[in-house]
Amino acid sequence: MADRLEDVVNIGPALAHDLRAIGIEDLDALREAGAEEAWRRLYAAGSRDCLSSLLALEGAIRGVRWMQLPAGDRDACCEALRAATAAGPPAERPAAAG
């Protein structure tokens, strides 16, 4: 049986609600998507835009508090966030030429 999001380390009611809103219903679905993809989907939906959310998701997948992630892994999360946000918030991005 998949773990309820609210029962997973680093995930409280608000983050669980936001994850469900993007189609991630439980820990298995979060693991399948991966922390970075889940965060990108949250960001695109306009619900999360900070490093702490990405770190919380990565820690949740690993079953550890986010501050227990190795420094190199935290740095990698930071770089992923920088890359994802380089173009600006989804609402401010120019429309793709069609």
N, C-alpha and C. Protein backbone atom coordinates (compact mmCIF):
# COMPACT_ATOMS: atom_id res chain seq x y z
N MET A 1 0.84 -1.19 0.00
CA MET A 1 0.00 0.00 0.00
C MET A 1 0.88 1.25 0.00
N ALA A 2 0.52 2.22 -0.81
CA ALA A 2 1.29 3.45 -0.91
C ALA A 2 1.10 4.30 0.34
N ASP A 3 2.16 4.98 0.73
CA ASP A 3 2.10 5.86 1.90
C ASP A 3 1.30 7.12 1.57
N ARG A 4 0.45 7.52 2.52
CA ARG A 4 -0.26 8.79 2.40
C ARG A 4 0.77 9.91 2.43
N LEU A 5 0.57 10.91 1.62
CA LEU A 5 1.54 12.00 1.56
C LEU A 5 1.75 12.67 2.91
N GLU A 6 0.67 12.86 3.67
CA GLU A 6 0.79 13.53 4.96
C GLU A 6 1.60 12.73 5.97
N ASP A 7 1.79 11.45 5.73
CA ASP A 7 2.55 10.60 6.64
C ASP A 7 4.03 10.53 6.28
N VAL A 8 4.41 11.18 5.20
CA VAL A 8 5.78 11.14 4.70
C VAL A 8 6.57 12.29 5.30
N VAL A 9 7.81 12.01 5.68
CA VAL A 9 8.70 13.04 6.22
C VAL A 9 8.78 14.22 5.26
N ASN A 10 8.78 15.42 5.78
CA ASN A 10 8.90 16.68 5.05
C ASN A 10 7.63 17.15 4.35
N ILE A 11 6.58 16.35 4.36
CA ILE A 11 5.37 16.74 3.64
C ILE A 11 4.24 16.99 4.62
N GLY A 12 3.81 18.22 4.69
CA GLY A 12 2.69 18.59 5.53
C GLY A 12 1.42 18.68 4.71
N PRO A 13 0.34 19.10 5.33
CA PRO A 13 -0.94 19.17 4.63
C PRO A 13 -0.95 20.08 3.40
N ALA A 14 -0.28 21.22 3.48
CA ALA A 14 -0.29 22.15 2.34
C ALA A 14 0.46 21.57 1.14
N LEU A 15 1.64 21.02 1.36
CA LEU A 15 2.39 20.42 0.25
C LEU A 15 1.67 19.20 -0.29
N ALA A 16 1.08 18.40 0.59
CA ALA A 16 0.31 17.23 0.14
C ALA A 16 -0.85 17.67 -0.76
N HIS A 17 -1.53 18.73 -0.37
CA HIS A 17 -2.64 19.26 -1.17
C HIS A 17 -2.14 19.69 -2.55
N ASP A 18 -1.02 20.42 -2.57
CA ASP A 18 -0.46 20.90 -3.84
C ASP A 18 -0.02 19.74 -4.72
N LEU A 19 0.56 18.71 -4.11
CA LEU A 19 0.97 17.54 -4.90
C LEU A 19 -0.24 16.84 -5.51
N ARG A 20 -1.29 16.69 -4.74
CA ARG A 20 -2.50 16.05 -5.28
C ARG A 20 -3.09 16.87 -6.42
N ALA A 21 -2.98 18.18 -6.33
CA ALA A 21 -3.52 19.05 -7.37
C ALA A 21 -2.80 18.85 -8.71
N ILE A 22 -1.57 18.35 -8.68
CA ILE A 22 -0.83 18.10 -9.93
C ILE A 22 -0.80 16.61 -10.26
N GLY A 23 -1.62 15.82 -9.56
CA GLY A 23 -1.75 14.41 -9.90
C GLY A 23 -0.85 13.46 -9.15
N ILE A 24 -0.16 13.92 -8.13
CA ILE A 24 0.69 13.04 -7.33
C ILE A 24 -0.08 12.71 -6.06
N GLU A 25 -0.61 11.50 -6.00
CA GLU A 25 -1.55 11.12 -4.95
C GLU A 25 -0.91 10.48 -3.72
N ASP A 26 0.28 9.90 -3.87
CA ASP A 26 0.89 9.17 -2.76
C ASP A 26 2.41 9.10 -2.96
N LEU A 27 3.08 8.47 -2.00
CA LEU A 27 4.54 8.40 -2.05
C LEU A 27 5.03 7.63 -3.28
N ASP A 28 4.33 6.59 -3.66
CA ASP A 28 4.75 5.84 -4.86
C ASP A 28 4.74 6.74 -6.10
N ALA A 29 3.71 7.54 -6.24
CA ALA A 29 3.62 8.45 -7.39
C ALA A 29 4.71 9.51 -7.33
N LEU A 30 5.03 9.98 -6.12
CA LEU A 30 6.12 10.95 -5.97
C LEU A 30 7.45 10.31 -6.36
N ARG A 31 7.68 9.11 -5.90
CA ARG A 31 8.93 8.42 -6.27
C ARG A 31 9.01 8.20 -7.77
N GLU A 32 7.89 7.85 -8.37
CA GLU A 32 7.88 7.60 -9.82
C GLU A 32 8.20 8.89 -10.58
N ALA A 33 7.64 10.00 -10.16
CA ALA A 33 7.89 11.27 -10.84
C ALA A 33 9.29 11.78 -10.55
N GLY A 34 9.77 11.58 -9.33
CA GLY A 34 11.05 12.13 -8.91
C GLY A 34 10.85 13.53 -8.36
N ALA A 35 11.73 13.93 -7.48
CA ALA A 35 11.60 15.21 -6.80
C ALA A 35 11.65 16.39 -7.77
N GLU A 36 12.60 16.36 -8.68
CA GLU A 36 12.74 17.49 -9.59
C GLU A 36 11.53 17.64 -10.50
N GLU A 37 11.05 16.55 -11.07
CA GLU A 37 9.88 16.62 -11.94
C GLU A 37 8.64 17.06 -11.16
N ALA A 38 8.47 16.53 -9.96
CA ALA A 38 7.32 16.93 -9.13
C ALA A 38 7.41 18.42 -8.84
N TRP A 39 8.61 18.90 -8.49
CA TRP A 39 8.77 20.33 -8.21
C TRP A 39 8.50 21.16 -9.45
N ARG A 40 8.97 20.73 -10.60
CA ARG A 40 8.72 21.47 -11.85
C ARG A 40 7.23 21.57 -12.13
N ARG A 41 6.51 20.51 -11.88
CA ARG A 41 5.05 20.53 -12.08
C ARG A 41 4.38 21.47 -11.09
N LEU A 42 4.84 21.47 -9.84
CA LEU A 42 4.30 22.41 -8.85
C LEU A 42 4.60 23.85 -9.28
N TYR A 43 5.80 24.10 -9.73
CA TYR A 43 6.21 25.43 -10.17
C TYR A 43 5.37 25.89 -11.36
N ALA A 44 5.18 25.00 -12.32
CA ALA A 44 4.37 25.34 -13.49
C ALA A 44 2.93 25.65 -13.10
N ALA A 45 2.44 24.99 -12.06
CA ALA A 45 1.07 25.22 -11.59
C ALA A 45 0.98 26.49 -10.74
N GLY A 46 2.13 27.09 -10.44
CA GLY A 46 2.15 28.32 -9.66
C GLY A 46 2.03 28.12 -8.16
N SER A 47 2.27 26.87 -7.69
CA SER A 47 2.10 26.64 -6.26
C SER A 47 3.39 26.59 -5.46
N ARG A 48 4.52 26.37 -6.08
CA ARG A 48 5.79 26.31 -5.33
C ARG A 48 6.88 26.94 -6.18
N ASP A 49 7.74 27.74 -5.53
CA ASP A 49 8.83 28.36 -6.28
C ASP A 49 10.12 28.46 -5.48
N CYS A 50 10.23 27.68 -4.41
CA CYS A 50 11.40 27.84 -3.54
C CYS A 50 12.21 26.55 -3.41
N LEU A 51 13.46 26.74 -3.04
CA LEU A 51 14.38 25.63 -2.86
C LEU A 51 13.92 24.69 -1.75
N SER A 52 13.33 25.23 -0.71
CA SER A 52 12.91 24.37 0.41
C SER A 52 11.90 23.33 -0.03
N SER A 53 11.04 23.67 -0.98
CA SER A 53 10.07 22.69 -1.48
C SER A 53 10.77 21.55 -2.22
N LEU A 54 11.73 21.90 -3.06
CA LEU A 54 12.47 20.88 -3.79
C LEU A 54 13.26 19.99 -2.83
N LEU A 55 13.91 20.59 -1.86
CA LEU A 55 14.65 19.79 -0.87
C LEU A 55 13.71 18.90 -0.07
N ALA A 56 12.54 19.41 0.28
CA ALA A 56 11.57 18.61 1.03
C ALA A 56 11.14 17.40 0.21
N LEU A 57 10.91 17.59 -1.07
CA LEU A 57 10.52 16.46 -1.93
C LEU A 57 11.63 15.43 -2.06
N GLU A 58 12.86 15.91 -2.24
CA GLU A 58 14.00 14.98 -2.35
C GLU A 58 14.16 14.19 -1.06
N GLY A 59 14.07 14.86 0.07
CA GLY A 59 14.16 14.17 1.35
C GLY A 59 13.02 13.19 1.55
N ALA A 60 11.82 13.58 1.13
CA ALA A 60 10.65 12.70 1.27
C ALA A 60 10.86 11.40 0.50
N ILE A 61 11.38 11.50 -0.69
CA ILE A 61 11.63 10.31 -1.50
C ILE A 61 12.65 9.41 -0.83
N ARG A 62 13.64 10.01 -0.21
CA ARG A 62 14.70 9.23 0.46
C ARG A 62 14.34 8.82 1.88
N GLY A 63 13.27 9.41 2.42
CA GLY A 63 12.85 9.07 3.78
C GLY A 63 13.66 9.73 4.86
N VAL A 64 14.23 10.91 4.55
CA VAL A 64 15.04 11.65 5.52
C VAL A 64 14.59 13.10 5.56
N ARG A 65 14.86 13.77 6.69
CA ARG A 65 14.62 15.21 6.77
C ARG A 65 15.51 15.88 5.72
N TRP A 66 15.02 16.97 5.14
CA TRP A 66 15.75 17.60 4.04
C TRP A 66 17.14 18.06 4.46
N MET A 67 17.31 18.44 5.74
CA MET A 67 18.62 18.91 6.17
C MET A 67 19.63 17.78 6.34
N GLN A 68 19.17 16.54 6.24
CA GLN A 68 20.07 15.40 6.31
C GLN A 68 20.58 14.98 4.93
N LEU A 69 20.10 15.64 3.89
CA LEU A 69 20.62 15.34 2.56
C LEU A 69 22.09 15.75 2.51
N PRO A 70 22.93 14.95 1.88
CA PRO A 70 24.35 15.33 1.75
C PRO A 70 24.49 16.69 1.05
N ALA A 71 25.49 17.43 1.44
CA ALA A 71 25.70 18.78 0.90
C ALA A 71 25.74 18.79 -0.63
N GLY A 72 26.38 17.81 -1.21
CA GLY A 72 26.44 17.74 -2.68
C GLY A 72 25.08 17.56 -3.31
N ASP A 73 24.22 16.80 -2.66
CA ASP A 73 22.87 16.61 -3.18
C ASP A 73 22.03 17.87 -3.00
N ARG A 74 22.23 18.59 -1.90
CA ARG A 74 21.54 19.87 -1.72
C ARG A 74 22.01 20.86 -2.79
N ASP A 75 23.30 20.86 -3.07
CA ASP A 75 23.83 21.74 -4.12
C ASP A 75 23.24 21.40 -5.48
N ALA A 76 23.08 20.11 -5.77
CA ALA A 76 22.49 19.68 -7.03
C ALA A 76 21.04 20.14 -7.14
N CYS A 77 20.32 20.09 -6.03
CA CYS A 77 18.94 20.59 -6.02
C CYS A 77 18.92 22.09 -6.31
N CYS A 78 19.86 22.80 -5.73
CA CYS A 78 19.95 24.24 -5.94
C CYS A 78 20.21 24.55 -7.41
N GLU A 79 21.10 23.82 -8.03
CA GLU A 79 21.40 24.02 -9.45
C GLU A 79 20.19 23.69 -10.31
N ALA A 80 19.47 22.63 -9.98
CA ALA A 80 18.27 22.26 -10.73
C ALA A 80 17.22 23.36 -10.63
N LEU A 81 17.08 23.93 -9.45
CA LEU A 81 16.13 25.02 -9.27
C LEU A 81 16.54 26.23 -10.08
N ARG A 82 17.80 26.58 -10.05
CA ARG A 82 18.28 27.72 -10.85
C ARG A 82 17.98 27.52 -12.33
N ALA A 83 18.24 26.32 -12.82
CA ALA A 83 17.99 26.03 -14.23
C ALA A 83 16.49 26.12 -14.55
N ALA A 84 15.67 25.60 -13.65
CA ALA A 84 14.23 25.59 -13.89
C ALA A 84 13.63 26.99 -13.85
N THR A 85 14.20 27.86 -13.04
CA THR A 85 13.63 29.20 -12.88
C THR A 85 14.31 30.25 -13.73
N ALA A 86 15.32 29.87 -14.48
CA ALA A 86 16.08 30.84 -15.29
C ALA A 86 15.19 31.60 -16.28
N ALA A 87 14.17 30.95 -16.78
CA ALA A 87 13.29 31.59 -17.76
C ALA A 87 12.22 32.45 -17.10
N GLY A 88 12.19 32.48 -15.78
CA GLY A 88 11.18 33.25 -15.07
C GLY A 88 9.96 32.41 -14.76
N PRO A 89 9.05 32.96 -13.98
CA PRO A 89 7.84 32.23 -13.63
C PRO A 89 7.05 31.84 -14.87
N PRO A 90 6.36 30.70 -14.84
CA PRO A 90 5.61 30.25 -16.03
C PRO A 90 4.69 31.31 -16.61
N ALA A 91 4.02 32.09 -15.79
CA ALA A 91 3.09 33.11 -16.29
C ALA A 91 3.80 34.24 -17.02
N GLU A 92 5.09 34.44 -16.75
CA GLU A 92 5.83 35.55 -17.37
C GLU A 92 6.65 35.11 -18.59
N ARG A 93 6.63 33.84 -18.90
CA ARG A 93 7.40 33.36 -20.05
C ARG A 93 6.71 33.75 -21.34
N PRO A 94 7.50 34.09 -22.35
CA PRO A 94 6.87 34.40 -23.63
C PRO A 94 6.20 33.16 -24.23
N ALA A 95 5.12 33.39 -24.92
CA ALA A 95 4.41 32.28 -25.56
C ALA A 95 5.29 31.70 -26.67
N ALA A 96 5.23 30.40 -26.83
CA ALA A 96 6.01 29.73 -27.86
C ALA A 96 5.42 30.07 -29.23
N ALA A 97 6.31 30.30 -30.16
CA ALA A 97 5.86 30.58 -31.52
C ALA A 97 5.27 29.32 -32.13
N GLY A 98 4.17 29.43 -32.77
CA GLY A 98 3.50 28.22 -33.29
C GLY A 98 3.40 28.24 -34.70
